[in-house]
PDB file of all heavy atoms in Angstrom:
ATOM      1  N   ASP A   1      -8.227  30.216 -17.949  1.00  0.00           N
ATOM      2  CA  ASP A   1      -7.976  29.930 -19.362  1.00  0.00           C
ATOM      3  C   ASP A   1      -6.749  30.705 -19.828  1.00  0.00           C
ATOM      4  O   ASP A   1      -6.511  31.836 -19.384  1.00  0.00           O
ATOM      5  CB  ASP A   1      -9.190  30.325 -20.206  1.00  0.00           C
ATOM      6  CG  ASP A   1     -10.324  29.332 -20.067  1.00  0.00           C
ATOM      7  OD1 ASP A   1     -10.103  28.271 -19.461  1.00  0.00           O
ATOM      8  OD2 ASP A   1     -11.431  29.623 -20.559  1.00  0.00           O
ATOM      9  N   PRO A   2      -5.962  30.106 -20.730  1.00  0.00           N
ATOM     10  CA  PRO A   2      -6.163  28.801 -21.356  1.00  0.00           C
ATOM     11  C   PRO A   2      -5.453  27.659 -20.623  1.00  0.00           C
ATOM     12  O   PRO A   2      -5.218  26.590 -21.218  1.00  0.00           O
ATOM     13  CB  PRO A   2      -5.545  29.005 -22.740  1.00  0.00           C
ATOM     14  CG  PRO A   2      -4.391  29.926 -22.472  1.00  0.00           C
ATOM     15  CD  PRO A   2      -4.841  30.844 -21.368  1.00  0.00           C
ATOM     16  N   MET A   3      -5.077  27.859 -19.351  1.00  0.00           N
ATOM     17  CA  MET A   3      -4.427  26.789 -18.592  1.00  0.00           C
ATOM     18  C   MET A   3      -5.372  25.599 -18.430  1.00  0.00           C
ATOM     19  O   MET A   3      -6.573  25.775 -18.229  1.00  0.00           O
ATOM     20  CB  MET A   3      -4.009  27.271 -17.203  1.00  0.00           C
ATOM     21  CG  MET A   3      -3.110  28.495 -17.178  1.00  0.00           C
ATOM     22  SD  MET A   3      -1.456  28.183 -17.827  1.00  0.00           S
ATOM     23  CE  MET A   3      -1.463  29.285 -19.253  1.00  0.00           C
ATOM     24  N   ILE A   4      -4.818  24.400 -18.496  1.00  0.00           N
ATOM     25  CA  ILE A   4      -5.589  23.177 -18.250  1.00  0.00           C
ATOM     26  C   ILE A   4      -5.320  22.743 -16.813  1.00  0.00           C
ATOM     27  O   ILE A   4      -4.156  22.542 -16.436  1.00  0.00           O
ATOM     28  CB  ILE A   4      -5.188  22.048 -19.212  1.00  0.00           C
ATOM     29  CG1 ILE A   4      -5.275  22.508 -20.668  1.00  0.00           C
ATOM     30  CG2 ILE A   4      -6.043  20.812 -18.973  1.00  0.00           C
ATOM     31  CD1 ILE A   4      -4.686  21.510 -21.654  1.00  0.00           C
ATOM     32  N   ASP A   5      -6.370  22.625 -16.015  1.00  0.00           N
ATOM     33  CA  ASP A   5      -6.173  22.099 -14.665  1.00  0.00           C
ATOM     34  C   ASP A   5      -6.168  20.579 -14.718  1.00  0.00           C
ATOM     35  O   ASP A   5      -6.934  19.958 -15.467  1.00  0.00           O
ATOM     36  CB  ASP A   5      -7.250  22.615 -13.711  1.00  0.00           C
ATOM     37  CG  ASP A   5      -8.655  22.192 -14.098  1.00  0.00           C
ATOM     38  OD1 ASP A   5      -9.010  22.353 -15.284  1.00  0.00           O
ATOM     39  OD2 ASP A   5      -9.395  21.708 -13.231  1.00  0.00           O
ATOM     40  N   THR A   6      -5.281  19.954 -13.938  1.00  0.00           N
ATOM     41  CA  THR A   6      -5.084  18.506 -14.011  1.00  0.00           C
ATOM     42  C   THR A   6      -5.039  17.917 -12.608  1.00  0.00           C
ATOM     43  O   THR A   6      -4.946  18.634 -11.610  1.00  0.00           O
ATOM     44  CB  THR A   6      -3.784  18.163 -14.756  1.00  0.00           C
ATOM     45  OG1 THR A   6      -2.661  18.603 -13.965  1.00  0.00           O
ATOM     46  CG2 THR A   6      -3.733  18.820 -16.128  1.00  0.00           C
ATOM     47  N   CYS A   7      -5.051  16.600 -12.545  1.00  0.00           N
ATOM     48  CA  CYS A   7      -5.175  15.877 -11.281  1.00  0.00           C
ATOM     49  C   CYS A   7      -3.892  15.113 -10.964  1.00  0.00           C
ATOM     50  O   CYS A   7      -3.254  14.538 -11.856  1.00  0.00           O
ATOM     51  CB  CYS A   7      -6.354  14.903 -11.364  1.00  0.00           C
ATOM     52  SG  CYS A   7      -6.703  14.015  -9.814  1.00  0.00           S
ATOM     53  N   ASN A   8      -3.515  15.087  -9.675  1.00  0.00           N
ATOM     54  CA  ASN A   8      -2.438  14.243  -9.162  1.00  0.00           C
ATOM     55  C   ASN A   8      -2.991  13.382  -8.035  1.00  0.00           C
ATOM     56  O   ASN A   8      -3.816  13.856  -7.247  1.00  0.00           O
ATOM     57  CB  ASN A   8      -1.283  15.083  -8.594  1.00  0.00           C
ATOM     58  CG  ASN A   8      -0.595  15.952  -9.633  1.00  0.00           C
ATOM     59  OD1 ASN A   8      -0.805  15.798 -10.825  1.00  0.00           O
ATOM     60  ND2 ASN A   8       0.242  16.859  -9.168  1.00  0.00           N
ATOM     61  N   GLY A   9      -2.517  12.151  -7.917  1.00  0.00           N
ATOM     62  CA  GLY A   9      -2.960  11.312  -6.814  1.00  0.00           C
ATOM     63  C   GLY A   9      -2.768   9.838  -7.111  1.00  0.00           C
ATOM     64  O   GLY A   9      -2.150   9.444  -8.100  1.00  0.00           O
ATOM     65  N   PHE A  10      -3.315   9.004  -6.240  1.00  0.00           N
ATOM     66  CA  PHE A  10      -3.316   7.563  -6.486  1.00  0.00           C
ATOM     67  C   PHE A  10      -4.442   7.184  -7.445  1.00  0.00           C
ATOM     68  O   PHE A  10      -4.309   6.233  -8.223  1.00  0.00           O
ATOM     69  CB  PHE A  10      -3.459   6.800  -5.171  1.00  0.00           C
ATOM     70  CG  PHE A  10      -2.264   6.916  -4.263  1.00  0.00           C
ATOM     71  CD1 PHE A  10      -2.365   7.543  -3.041  1.00  0.00           C
ATOM     72  CD2 PHE A  10      -1.031   6.408  -4.646  1.00  0.00           C
ATOM     73  CE1 PHE A  10      -1.266   7.649  -2.200  1.00  0.00           C
ATOM     74  CE2 PHE A  10       0.077   6.514  -3.818  1.00  0.00           C
ATOM     75  CZ  PHE A  10      -0.033   7.138  -2.594  1.00  0.00           C
ATOM     76  N   TYR A  11      -5.565   7.916  -7.363  1.00  0.00           N
ATOM     77  CA  TYR A  11      -6.710   7.706  -8.257  1.00  0.00           C
ATOM     78  C   TYR A  11      -7.251   9.073  -8.662  1.00  0.00           C
ATOM     79  O   TYR A  11      -7.243  10.007  -7.876  1.00  0.00           O
ATOM     80  CB  TYR A  11      -7.829   6.925  -7.559  1.00  0.00           C
ATOM     81  CG  TYR A  11      -7.378   5.662  -6.870  1.00  0.00           C
ATOM     82  CD1 TYR A  11      -7.043   5.675  -5.515  1.00  0.00           C
ATOM     83  CD2 TYR A  11      -7.288   4.458  -7.547  1.00  0.00           C
ATOM     84  CE1 TYR A  11      -6.634   4.529  -4.870  1.00  0.00           C
ATOM     85  CE2 TYR A  11      -6.878   3.298  -6.902  1.00  0.00           C
ATOM     86  CZ  TYR A  11      -6.550   3.336  -5.563  1.00  0.00           C
ATOM     87  OH  TYR A  11      -6.137   2.198  -4.923  1.00  0.00           O
ATOM     88  N   CYS A  12      -7.743   9.172  -9.885  1.00  0.00           N
ATOM     89  CA  CYS A  12      -8.280  10.463 -10.353  1.00  0.00           C
ATOM     90  C   CYS A  12      -9.521  10.299 -11.223  1.00  0.00           C
ATOM     91  O   CYS A  12      -9.877  11.209 -11.964  1.00  0.00           O
ATOM     92  CB  CYS A  12      -7.208  11.234 -11.137  1.00  0.00           C
ATOM     93  SG  CYS A  12      -6.037  12.144 -10.104  1.00  0.00           S
ATOM     94  N   GLU A  13     -10.191   9.151 -11.138  1.00  0.00           N
ATOM     95  CA  GLU A  13     -11.312   8.935 -12.052  1.00  0.00           C
ATOM     96  C   GLU A  13     -12.460   9.912 -11.816  1.00  0.00           C
ATOM     97  O   GLU A  13     -13.220  10.226 -12.731  1.00  0.00           O
ATOM     98  CB  GLU A  13     -11.823   7.484 -11.954  1.00  0.00           C
ATOM     99  CG  GLU A  13     -12.559   7.135 -10.674  1.00  0.00           C
ATOM    100  CD  GLU A  13     -11.627   6.777  -9.527  1.00  0.00           C
ATOM    101  OE1 GLU A  13     -10.397   6.724  -9.753  1.00  0.00           O
ATOM    102  OE2 GLU A  13     -12.125   6.543  -8.414  1.00  0.00           O
ATOM    103  N   LYS A  14     -12.597  10.447 -10.608  1.00  0.00           N
ATOM    104  CA  LYS A  14     -13.698  11.361 -10.304  1.00  0.00           C
ATOM    105  C   LYS A  14     -13.365  12.815 -10.623  1.00  0.00           C
ATOM    106  O   LYS A  14     -14.234  13.688 -10.504  1.00  0.00           O
ATOM    107  CB  LYS A  14     -14.086  11.227  -8.827  1.00  0.00           C
ATOM    108  CG  LYS A  14     -14.659   9.853  -8.479  1.00  0.00           C
ATOM    109  CD  LYS A  14     -15.031   9.776  -7.001  1.00  0.00           C
ATOM    110  CE  LYS A  14     -15.583   8.393  -6.661  1.00  0.00           C
ATOM    111  NZ  LYS A  14     -15.944   8.282  -5.217  1.00  0.00           N
ATOM    112  N   PHE A  15     -12.138  13.070 -11.008  1.00  0.00           N
ATOM    113  CA  PHE A  15     -11.728  14.429 -11.329  1.00  0.00           C
ATOM    114  C   PHE A  15     -12.441  14.932 -12.589  1.00  0.00           C
ATOM    115  O   PHE A  15     -12.623  14.194 -13.557  1.00  0.00           O
ATOM    116  CB  PHE A  15     -10.213  14.462 -11.554  1.00  0.00           C
ATOM    117  CG  PHE A  15      -9.711  15.722 -12.202  1.00  0.00           C
ATOM    118  CD1 PHE A  15      -9.586  16.885 -11.474  1.00  0.00           C
ATOM    119  CD2 PHE A  15      -9.373  15.735 -13.553  1.00  0.00           C
ATOM    120  CE1 PHE A  15      -9.123  18.047 -12.066  1.00  0.00           C
ATOM    121  CE2 PHE A  15      -8.906  16.884 -14.154  1.00  0.00           C
ATOM    122  CZ  PHE A  15      -8.781  18.052 -13.411  1.00  0.00           C
ATOM    123  N   THR A  16     -12.833  16.216 -12.554  1.00  0.00           N
ATOM    124  CA  THR A  16     -13.446  16.866 -13.711  1.00  0.00           C
ATOM    125  C   THR A  16     -12.751  18.198 -13.949  1.00  0.00           C
ATOM    126  O   THR A  16     -12.592  18.991 -13.009  1.00  0.00           O
ATOM    127  CB  THR A  16     -14.948  17.119 -13.471  1.00  0.00           C
ATOM    128  OG1 THR A  16     -15.592  15.881 -13.198  1.00  0.00           O
ATOM    129  CG2 THR A  16     -15.587  17.756 -14.694  1.00  0.00           C
ATOM    130  N   PRO A  17     -12.307  18.490 -15.165  1.00  0.00           N
ATOM    131  CA  PRO A  17     -11.684  19.792 -15.441  1.00  0.00           C
ATOM    132  C   PRO A  17     -12.640  20.935 -15.126  1.00  0.00           C
ATOM    133  O   PRO A  17     -13.868  20.762 -15.116  1.00  0.00           O
ATOM    134  CB  PRO A  17     -11.357  19.721 -16.937  1.00  0.00           C
ATOM    135  CG  PRO A  17     -11.355  18.268 -17.271  1.00  0.00           C
ATOM    136  CD  PRO A  17     -12.346  17.624 -16.357  1.00  0.00           C
ATOM    137  N   ASN A  18     -12.079  22.128 -14.899  1.00  0.00           N
ATOM    138  CA  ASN A  18     -12.920  23.251 -14.475  1.00  0.00           C
ATOM    139  C   ASN A  18     -13.711  23.895 -15.604  1.00  0.00           C
ATOM    140  O   ASN A  18     -14.546  24.767 -15.356  1.00  0.00           O
ATOM    141  CB  ASN A  18     -12.088  24.307 -13.731  1.00  0.00           C
ATOM    142  CG  ASN A  18     -11.024  24.957 -14.605  1.00  0.00           C
ATOM    143  OD1 ASN A  18     -11.003  24.787 -15.826  1.00  0.00           O
ATOM    144  ND2 ASN A  18     -10.122  25.707 -13.982  1.00  0.00           N
ATOM    145  N   LYS A  19     -13.437  23.476 -16.847  1.00  0.00           N
ATOM    146  CA  LYS A  19     -14.231  23.956 -17.979  1.00  0.00           C
ATOM    147  C   LYS A  19     -14.567  22.754 -18.866  1.00  0.00           C
ATOM    148  O   LYS A  19     -13.733  21.851 -19.042  1.00  0.00           O
ATOM    149  CB  LYS A  19     -13.456  24.999 -18.794  1.00  0.00           C
ATOM    150  CG  LYS A  19     -13.175  26.300 -18.031  1.00  0.00           C
ATOM    151  CD  LYS A  19     -14.456  27.093 -17.772  1.00  0.00           C
ATOM    152  CE  LYS A  19     -14.204  28.322 -16.907  1.00  0.00           C
ATOM    153  NZ  LYS A  19     -13.266  29.267 -17.501  1.00  0.00           N
ATOM    154  N   PRO A  20     -15.754  22.736 -19.459  1.00  0.00           N
ATOM    155  CA  PRO A  20     -16.179  21.564 -20.227  1.00  0.00           C
ATOM    156  C   PRO A  20     -15.392  21.354 -21.516  1.00  0.00           C
ATOM    157  O   PRO A  20     -15.493  20.284 -22.123  1.00  0.00           O
ATOM    158  CB  PRO A  20     -17.658  21.851 -20.519  1.00  0.00           C
ATOM    159  CG  PRO A  20     -17.788  23.341 -20.416  1.00  0.00           C
ATOM    160  CD  PRO A  20     -16.815  23.760 -19.368  1.00  0.00           C
ATOM    161  N   TYR A  21     -14.612  22.331 -21.950  1.00  0.00           N
ATOM    162  CA  TYR A  21     -13.860  22.184 -23.191  1.00  0.00           C
ATOM    163  C   TYR A  21     -12.388  21.824 -22.943  1.00  0.00           C
ATOM    164  O   TYR A  21     -11.576  21.890 -23.860  1.00  0.00           O
ATOM    165  CB  TYR A  21     -13.950  23.468 -24.023  1.00  0.00           C
ATOM    166  CG  TYR A  21     -13.763  24.748 -23.240  1.00  0.00           C
ATOM    167  CD1 TYR A  21     -12.492  25.207 -22.877  1.00  0.00           C
ATOM    168  CD2 TYR A  21     -14.884  25.499 -22.865  1.00  0.00           C
ATOM    169  CE1 TYR A  21     -12.342  26.379 -22.148  1.00  0.00           C
ATOM    170  CE2 TYR A  21     -14.737  26.677 -22.147  1.00  0.00           C
ATOM    171  CZ  TYR A  21     -13.459  27.111 -21.782  1.00  0.00           C
ATOM    172  OH  TYR A  21     -13.312  28.270 -21.061  1.00  0.00           O
ATOM    173  N   LYS A  22     -12.058  21.428 -21.719  1.00  0.00           N
ATOM    174  CA  LYS A  22     -10.687  21.018 -21.415  1.00  0.00           C
ATOM    175  C   LYS A  22     -10.606  19.502 -21.260  1.00  0.00           C
ATOM    176  O   LYS A  22     -11.550  18.873 -20.762  1.00  0.00           O
ATOM    177  CB  LYS A  22     -10.197  21.699 -20.131  1.00  0.00           C
ATOM    178  CG  LYS A  22     -10.101  23.217 -20.234  1.00  0.00           C
ATOM    179  CD  LYS A  22      -9.624  23.840 -18.926  1.00  0.00           C
ATOM    180  CE  LYS A  22      -9.572  25.362 -19.025  1.00  0.00           C
ATOM    181  NZ  LYS A  22      -9.121  25.996 -17.756  1.00  0.00           N
ATOM    182  N   PRO A  23      -9.482  18.900 -21.650  1.00  0.00           N
ATOM    183  CA  PRO A  23      -9.353  17.447 -21.526  1.00  0.00           C
ATOM    184  C   PRO A  23      -9.108  17.032 -20.085  1.00  0.00           C
ATOM    185  O   PRO A  23      -8.626  17.815 -19.260  1.00  0.00           O
ATOM    186  CB  PRO A  23      -8.136  17.138 -22.403  1.00  0.00           C
ATOM    187  CG  PRO A  23      -7.314  18.378 -22.352  1.00  0.00           C
ATOM    188  CD  PRO A  23      -8.296  19.515 -22.264  1.00  0.00           C
ATOM    189  N   LYS A  24      -9.432  15.791 -19.800  1.00  0.00           N
ATOM    190  CA  LYS A  24      -9.272  15.222 -18.459  1.00  0.00           C
ATOM    191  C   LYS A  24      -7.902  14.557 -18.373  1.00  0.00           C
ATOM    192  O   LYS A  24      -7.653  13.560 -19.052  1.00  0.00           O
ATOM    193  CB  LYS A  24     -10.396  14.221 -18.198  1.00  0.00           C
ATOM    194  CG  LYS A  24     -10.385  13.583 -16.818  1.00  0.00           C
ATOM    195  CD  LYS A  24     -11.645  12.777 -16.608  1.00  0.00           C
ATOM    196  CE  LYS A  24     -11.642  12.059 -15.279  1.00  0.00           C
ATOM    197  NZ  LYS A  24     -12.926  11.386 -15.005  1.00  0.00           N
ATOM    198  N   MET A  25      -7.013  15.132 -17.533  1.00  0.00           N
ATOM    199  CA  MET A  25      -5.617  14.711 -17.511  1.00  0.00           C
ATOM    200  C   MET A  25      -5.177  14.316 -16.099  1.00  0.00           C
ATOM    201  O   MET A  25      -5.513  14.982 -15.120  1.00  0.00           O
ATOM    202  CB  MET A  25      -4.725  15.836 -18.051  1.00  0.00           C
ATOM    203  CG  MET A  25      -5.034  16.237 -19.489  1.00  0.00           C
ATOM    204  SD  MET A  25      -4.033  17.635 -20.051  1.00  0.00           S
ATOM    205  CE  MET A  25      -2.402  16.942 -19.939  1.00  0.00           C
ATOM    206  N   PHE A  26      -4.378  13.268 -16.031  1.00  0.00           N
ATOM    207  CA  PHE A  26      -3.852  12.681 -14.793  1.00  0.00           C
ATOM    208  C   PHE A  26      -2.336  12.884 -14.840  1.00  0.00           C
ATOM    209  O   PHE A  26      -1.608  12.052 -15.365  1.00  0.00           O
ATOM    210  CB  PHE A  26      -4.221  11.190 -14.784  1.00  0.00           C
ATOM    211  CG  PHE A  26      -4.177  10.505 -13.452  1.00  0.00           C
ATOM    212  CD1 PHE A  26      -4.817   9.270 -13.299  1.00  0.00           C
ATOM    213  CD2 PHE A  26      -3.508  11.032 -12.362  1.00  0.00           C
ATOM    214  CE1 PHE A  26      -4.793   8.601 -12.084  1.00  0.00           C
ATOM    215  CE2 PHE A  26      -3.481  10.371 -11.151  1.00  0.00           C
ATOM    216  CZ  PHE A  26      -4.130   9.144 -11.004  1.00  0.00           C
ATOM    217  N   THR A  27      -1.849  14.002 -14.290  1.00  0.00           N
ATOM    218  CA  THR A  27      -0.439  14.343 -14.482  1.00  0.00           C
ATOM    219  C   THR A  27       0.504  13.632 -13.522  1.00  0.00           C
ATOM    220  O   THR A  27       1.711  13.594 -13.765  1.00  0.00           O
ATOM    221  CB  THR A  27      -0.216  15.861 -14.346  1.00  0.00           C
ATOM    222  OG1 THR A  27      -1.035  16.376 -13.301  1.00  0.00           O
ATOM    223  CG2 THR A  27      -0.538  16.569 -15.641  1.00  0.00           C
ATOM    224  N   GLU A  28      -0.015  13.113 -12.421  1.00  0.00           N
ATOM    225  CA  GLU A  28       0.821  12.312 -11.525  1.00  0.00           C
ATOM    226  C   GLU A  28       0.003  11.151 -10.985  1.00  0.00           C
ATOM    227  O   GLU A  28      -0.790  11.314 -10.058  1.00  0.00           O
ATOM    228  CB  GLU A  28       1.368  13.144 -10.356  1.00  0.00           C
ATOM    229  CG  GLU A  28       2.442  14.138 -10.729  1.00  0.00           C
ATOM    230  CD  GLU A  28       3.072  14.795  -9.498  1.00  0.00           C
ATOM    231  OE1 GLU A  28       2.917  14.249  -8.381  1.00  0.00           O
ATOM    232  OE2 GLU A  28       3.716  15.846  -9.660  1.00  0.00           O
ATOM    233  N   LEU A  29       0.181   9.977 -11.576  1.00  0.00           N
ATOM    234  CA  LEU A  29      -0.346   8.751 -10.995  1.00  0.00           C
ATOM    235  C   LEU A  29       0.812   8.138 -10.213  1.00  0.00           C
ATOM    236  O   LEU A  29       1.798   7.686 -10.789  1.00  0.00           O
ATOM    237  CB  LEU A  29      -0.841   7.785 -12.080  1.00  0.00           C
ATOM    238  CG  LEU A  29      -1.655   6.582 -11.613  1.00  0.00           C
ATOM    239  CD1 LEU A  29      -2.378   5.947 -12.795  1.00  0.00           C
ATOM    240  CD2 LEU A  29      -0.821   5.515 -10.928  1.00  0.00           C
ATOM    241  N   TRP A  30       0.695   8.126  -8.901  1.00  0.00           N
ATOM    242  CA  TRP A  30       1.816   7.747  -8.050  1.00  0.00           C
ATOM    243  C   TRP A  30       2.006   6.235  -8.060  1.00  0.00           C
ATOM    244  O   TRP A  30       1.147   5.487  -7.587  1.00  0.00           O
ATOM    245  CB  TRP A  30       1.584   8.281  -6.638  1.00  0.00           C
ATOM    246  CG  TRP A  30       1.450   9.782  -6.619  1.00  0.00           C
ATOM    247  CD1 TRP A  30       2.062  10.673  -7.451  1.00  0.00           C
ATOM    248  CD2 TRP A  30       0.633  10.574  -5.745  1.00  0.00           C
ATOM    249  NE1 TRP A  30       1.704  11.972  -7.152  1.00  0.00           N
ATOM    250  CE2 TRP A  30       0.826  11.944  -6.103  1.00  0.00           C
ATOM    251  CE3 TRP A  30      -0.224  10.277  -4.688  1.00  0.00           C
ATOM    252  CZ2 TRP A  30       0.178  12.988  -5.449  1.00  0.00           C
ATOM    253  CZ3 TRP A  30      -0.867  11.323  -4.025  1.00  0.00           C
ATOM    254  CH2 TRP A  30      -0.665  12.654  -4.407  1.00  0.00           C
ATOM    255  N   THR A  31       3.139   5.802  -8.607  1.00  0.00           N
ATOM    256  CA  THR A  31       3.406   4.364  -8.762  1.00  0.00           C
ATOM    257  C   THR A  31       3.862   3.720  -7.462  1.00  0.00           C
ATOM    258  O   THR A  31       3.975   2.499  -7.375  1.00  0.00           O
ATOM    259  CB  THR A  31       4.491   4.132  -9.821  1.00  0.00           C
ATOM    260  OG1 THR A  31       5.686   4.844  -9.441  1.00  0.00           O
ATOM    261  CG2 THR A  31       4.028   4.616 -11.182  1.00  0.00           C
ATOM    262  N   GLY A  32       4.165   4.510  -6.480  1.00  0.00           N
ATOM    263  CA  GLY A  32       4.577   4.059  -5.158  1.00  0.00           C
ATOM    264  C   GLY A  32       4.604   5.274  -4.259  1.00  0.00           C
ATOM    265  O   GLY A  32       3.683   6.079  -4.264  1.00  0.00           O
ATOM    266  N   TRP A  33       5.699   5.417  -3.523  1.00  0.00           N
ATOM    267  CA  TRP A  33       5.831   6.575  -2.642  1.00  0.00           C
ATOM    268  C   TRP A  33       7.308   6.711  -2.296  1.00  0.00           C
ATOM    269  O   TRP A  33       8.092   5.763  -2.466  1.00  0.00           O
ATOM    270  CB  TRP A  33       5.001   6.376  -1.384  1.00  0.00           C
ATOM    271  CG  TRP A  33       4.669   7.640  -0.634  1.00  0.00           C
ATOM    272  CD1 TRP A  33       5.070   7.972   0.623  1.00  0.00           C
ATOM    273  CD2 TRP A  33       3.851   8.734  -1.080  1.00  0.00           C
ATOM    274  NE1 TRP A  33       4.565   9.199   0.993  1.00  0.00           N
ATOM    275  CE2 TRP A  33       3.810   9.692  -0.036  1.00  0.00           C
ATOM    276  CE3 TRP A  33       3.154   8.996  -2.262  1.00  0.00           C
ATOM    277  CZ2 TRP A  33       3.105  10.900  -0.137  1.00  0.00           C
ATOM    278  CZ3 TRP A  33       2.455  10.185  -2.363  1.00  0.00           C
ATOM    279  CH2 TRP A  33       2.424  11.125  -1.321  1.00  0.00           C
ATOM    280  N   PHE A  34       7.690   7.894  -1.839  1.00  0.00           N
ATOM    281  CA  PHE A  34       9.085   8.096  -1.456  1.00  0.00           C
ATOM    282  C   PHE A  34       9.378   7.398  -0.130  1.00  0.00           C
ATOM    283  O   PHE A  34       8.478   7.095   0.659  1.00  0.00           O
ATOM    284  CB  PHE A  34       9.407   9.583  -1.366  1.00  0.00           C
ATOM    285  CG  PHE A  34       8.532  10.361  -0.414  1.00  0.00           C
ATOM    286  CD1 PHE A  34       8.799  10.391   0.943  1.00  0.00           C
ATOM    287  CD2 PHE A  34       7.443  11.076  -0.887  1.00  0.00           C
ATOM    288  CE1 PHE A  34       7.997  11.111   1.821  1.00  0.00           C
ATOM    289  CE2 PHE A  34       6.632  11.808  -0.024  1.00  0.00           C
ATOM    290  CZ  PHE A  34       6.905  11.815   1.334  1.00  0.00           C
ATOM    291  N   THR A  35      10.663   7.161   0.117  1.00  0.00           N
ATOM    292  CA  THR A  35      11.107   6.525   1.354  1.00  0.00           C
ATOM    293  C   THR A  35      11.764   7.564   2.240  1.00  0.00           C
ATOM    294  O   THR A  35      12.541   8.394   1.781  1.00  0.00           O
ATOM    295  CB  THR A  35      12.109   5.394   1.058  1.00  0.00           C
ATOM    296  OG1 THR A  35      11.516   4.454   0.159  1.00  0.00           O
ATOM    297  CG2 THR A  35      12.508   4.665   2.331  1.00  0.00           C
ATOM    298  N   GLU A  36      11.463   7.517   3.525  1.00  0.00           N
ATOM    299  CA  GLU A  36      12.089   8.413   4.493  1.00  0.00           C
ATOM    300  C   GLU A  36      13.030   7.617   5.386  1.00  0.00           C
ATOM    301  O   GLU A  36      12.795   6.432   5.671  1.00  0.00           O
ATOM    302  CB  GLU A  36      11.027   9.105   5.347  1.00  0.00           C
ATOM    303  CG  GLU A  36      10.198   8.146   6.184  1.00  0.00           C
ATOM    304  CD  GLU A  36       9.116   8.812   6.998  1.00  0.00           C
ATOM    305  OE1 GLU A  36       9.454   9.318   8.094  1.00  0.00           O
ATOM    306  OE2 GLU A  36       7.962   8.824   6.543  1.00  0.00           O
ATOM    307  N   PHE A  37      14.122   8.251   5.802  1.00  0.00           N
ATOM    308  CA  PHE A  37      14.975   7.625   6.803  1.00  0.00           C
ATOM    309  C   PHE A  37      14.159   7.406   8.074  1.00  0.00           C
ATOM    310  O   PHE A  37      13.532   8.334   8.592  1.00  0.00           O
ATOM    311  CB  PHE A  37      16.180   8.506   7.119  1.00  0.00           C
ATOM    312  CG  PHE A  37      17.226   8.515   6.037  1.00  0.00           C
ATOM    313  CD1 PHE A  37      17.581   9.695   5.413  1.00  0.00           C
ATOM    314  CD2 PHE A  37      17.861   7.344   5.653  1.00  0.00           C
ATOM    315  CE1 PHE A  37      18.557   9.718   4.427  1.00  0.00           C
ATOM    316  CE2 PHE A  37      18.835   7.354   4.656  1.00  0.00           C
ATOM    317  CZ  PHE A  37      19.185   8.540   4.046  1.00  0.00           C
ATOM    318  N   GLY A  38      14.147   6.169   8.543  1.00  0.00           N
ATOM    319  CA  GLY A  38      13.337   5.805   9.692  1.00  0.00           C
ATOM    320  C   GLY A  38      11.998   5.217   9.315  1.00  0.00           C
ATOM    321  O   GLY A  38      11.224   4.818  10.193  1.00  0.00           O
ATOM    322  N   GLY A  39      11.707   5.150   8.023  1.00  0.00           N
ATOM    323  CA  GLY A  39      10.442   4.594   7.559  1.00  0.00           C
ATOM    324  C   GLY A  39      10.656   3.360   6.700  1.00  0.00           C
ATOM    325  O   GLY A  39      11.744   3.139   6.162  1.00  0.00           O
ATOM    326  N   PRO A  40       9.621   2.532   6.524  1.00  0.00           N
ATOM    327  CA  PRO A  40       9.715   1.372   5.644  1.00  0.00           C
ATOM    328  C   PRO A  40       9.701   1.795   4.177  1.00  0.00           C
ATOM    329  O   PRO A  40       9.516   2.973   3.856  1.00  0.00           O
ATOM    330  CB  PRO A  40       8.472   0.560   6.002  1.00  0.00           C
ATOM    331  CG  PRO A  40       7.491   1.583   6.482  1.00  0.00           C
ATOM    332  CD  PRO A  40       8.290   2.662   7.143  1.00  0.00           C
ATOM    333  N   ILE A  41       9.905   0.821   3.299  1.00  0.00           N
ATOM    334  CA  ILE A  41       9.933   1.098   1.861  1.00  0.00           C
ATOM    335  C   ILE A  41       8.536   0.852   1.284  1.00  0.00           C
ATOM    336  O   ILE A  41       8.033  -0.267   1.309  1.00  0.00           O
ATOM    337  CB  ILE A  41      10.974   0.220   1.154  1.00  0.00           C
ATOM    338  CG1 ILE A  41      12.368   0.544   1.699  1.00  0.00           C
ATOM    339  CG2 ILE A  41      10.914   0.419  -0.353  1.00  0.00           C
ATOM    340  CD1 ILE A  41      13.476  -0.319   1.116  1.00  0.00           C
ATOM    341  N   PRO A  42       7.882   1.901   0.765  1.00  0.00           N
ATOM    342  CA  PRO A  42       6.540   1.726   0.211  1.00  0.00           C
ATOM    343  C   PRO A  42       6.578   1.042  -1.162  1.00  0.00           C
ATOM    344  O   PRO A  42       7.478   1.285  -1.969  1.00  0.00           O
ATOM    345  CB  PRO A  42       6.015   3.163   0.074  1.00  0.00           C
ATOM    346  CG  PRO A  42       6.987   4.025   0.836  1.00  0.00           C
ATOM    347  CD  PRO A  42       8.292   3.311   0.775  1.00  0.00           C
ATOM    348  N   THR A  43       5.617   0.202  -1.410  1.00  0.00           N
ATOM    349  CA  THR A  43       5.423  -0.396  -2.732  1.00  0.00           C
ATOM    350  C   THR A  43       3.944  -0.274  -3.091  1.00  0.00           C
ATOM    351  O   THR A  43       3.088  -0.102  -2.209  1.00  0.00           O
ATOM    352  CB  THR A  43       5.838  -1.875  -2.776  1.00  0.00           C
ATOM    353  OG1 THR A  43       5.006  -2.637  -1.877  1.00  0.00           O
ATOM    354  CG2 THR A  43       7.296  -2.046  -2.368  1.00  0.00           C
ATOM    355  N   ARG A  44       3.656  -0.365  -4.389  1.00  0.00           N
ATOM    356  CA  ARG A  44       2.262  -0.347  -4.830  1.00  0.00           C
ATOM    357  C   ARG A  44       2.073  -1.454  -5.860  1.00  0.00           C
ATOM    358  O   ARG A  44       2.783  -1.492  -6.874  1.00  0.00           O
ATOM    359  CB  ARG A  44       1.884   0.999  -5.442  1.00  0.00           C
ATOM    360  CG  ARG A  44       0.390   1.082  -5.782  1.00  0.00           C
ATOM    361  CD  ARG A  44      -0.012   2.417  -6.392  1.00  0.00           C
ATOM    362  NE  ARG A  44      -1.452   2.477  -6.620  1.00  0.00           N
ATOM    363  CZ  ARG A  44      -2.095   3.450  -7.257  1.00  0.00           C
ATOM    364  NH1 ARG A  44      -1.396   4.484  -7.737  1.00  0.00           N
ATOM    365  NH2 ARG A  44      -3.402   3.411  -7.422  1.00  0.00           N
ATOM    366  N   PRO A  45       1.139  -2.362  -5.628  1.00  0.00           N
ATOM    367  CA  PRO A  45       0.928  -3.468  -6.565  1.00  0.00           C
ATOM    368  C   PRO A  45       0.544  -2.960  -7.945  1.00  0.00           C
ATOM    369  O   PRO A  45      -0.246  -2.024  -8.086  1.00  0.00           O
ATOM    370  CB  PRO A  45      -0.215  -4.272  -5.934  1.00  0.00           C
ATOM    371  CG  PRO A  45      -0.186  -3.900  -4.482  1.00  0.00           C
ATOM    372  CD  PRO A  45       0.269  -2.475  -4.441  1.00  0.00           C
TER     373      PRO A  45
END
């Protein structure tokens, strides 16, 4: 406290903050993924 712990990922619906008086926040919903040299181009519907 008073930091708010938050979730990053493709999905975060099961995430629960570490204290009951903190809001449920999704700070990184990944809209795709980065591309690497030698790799294909990721997309997300």
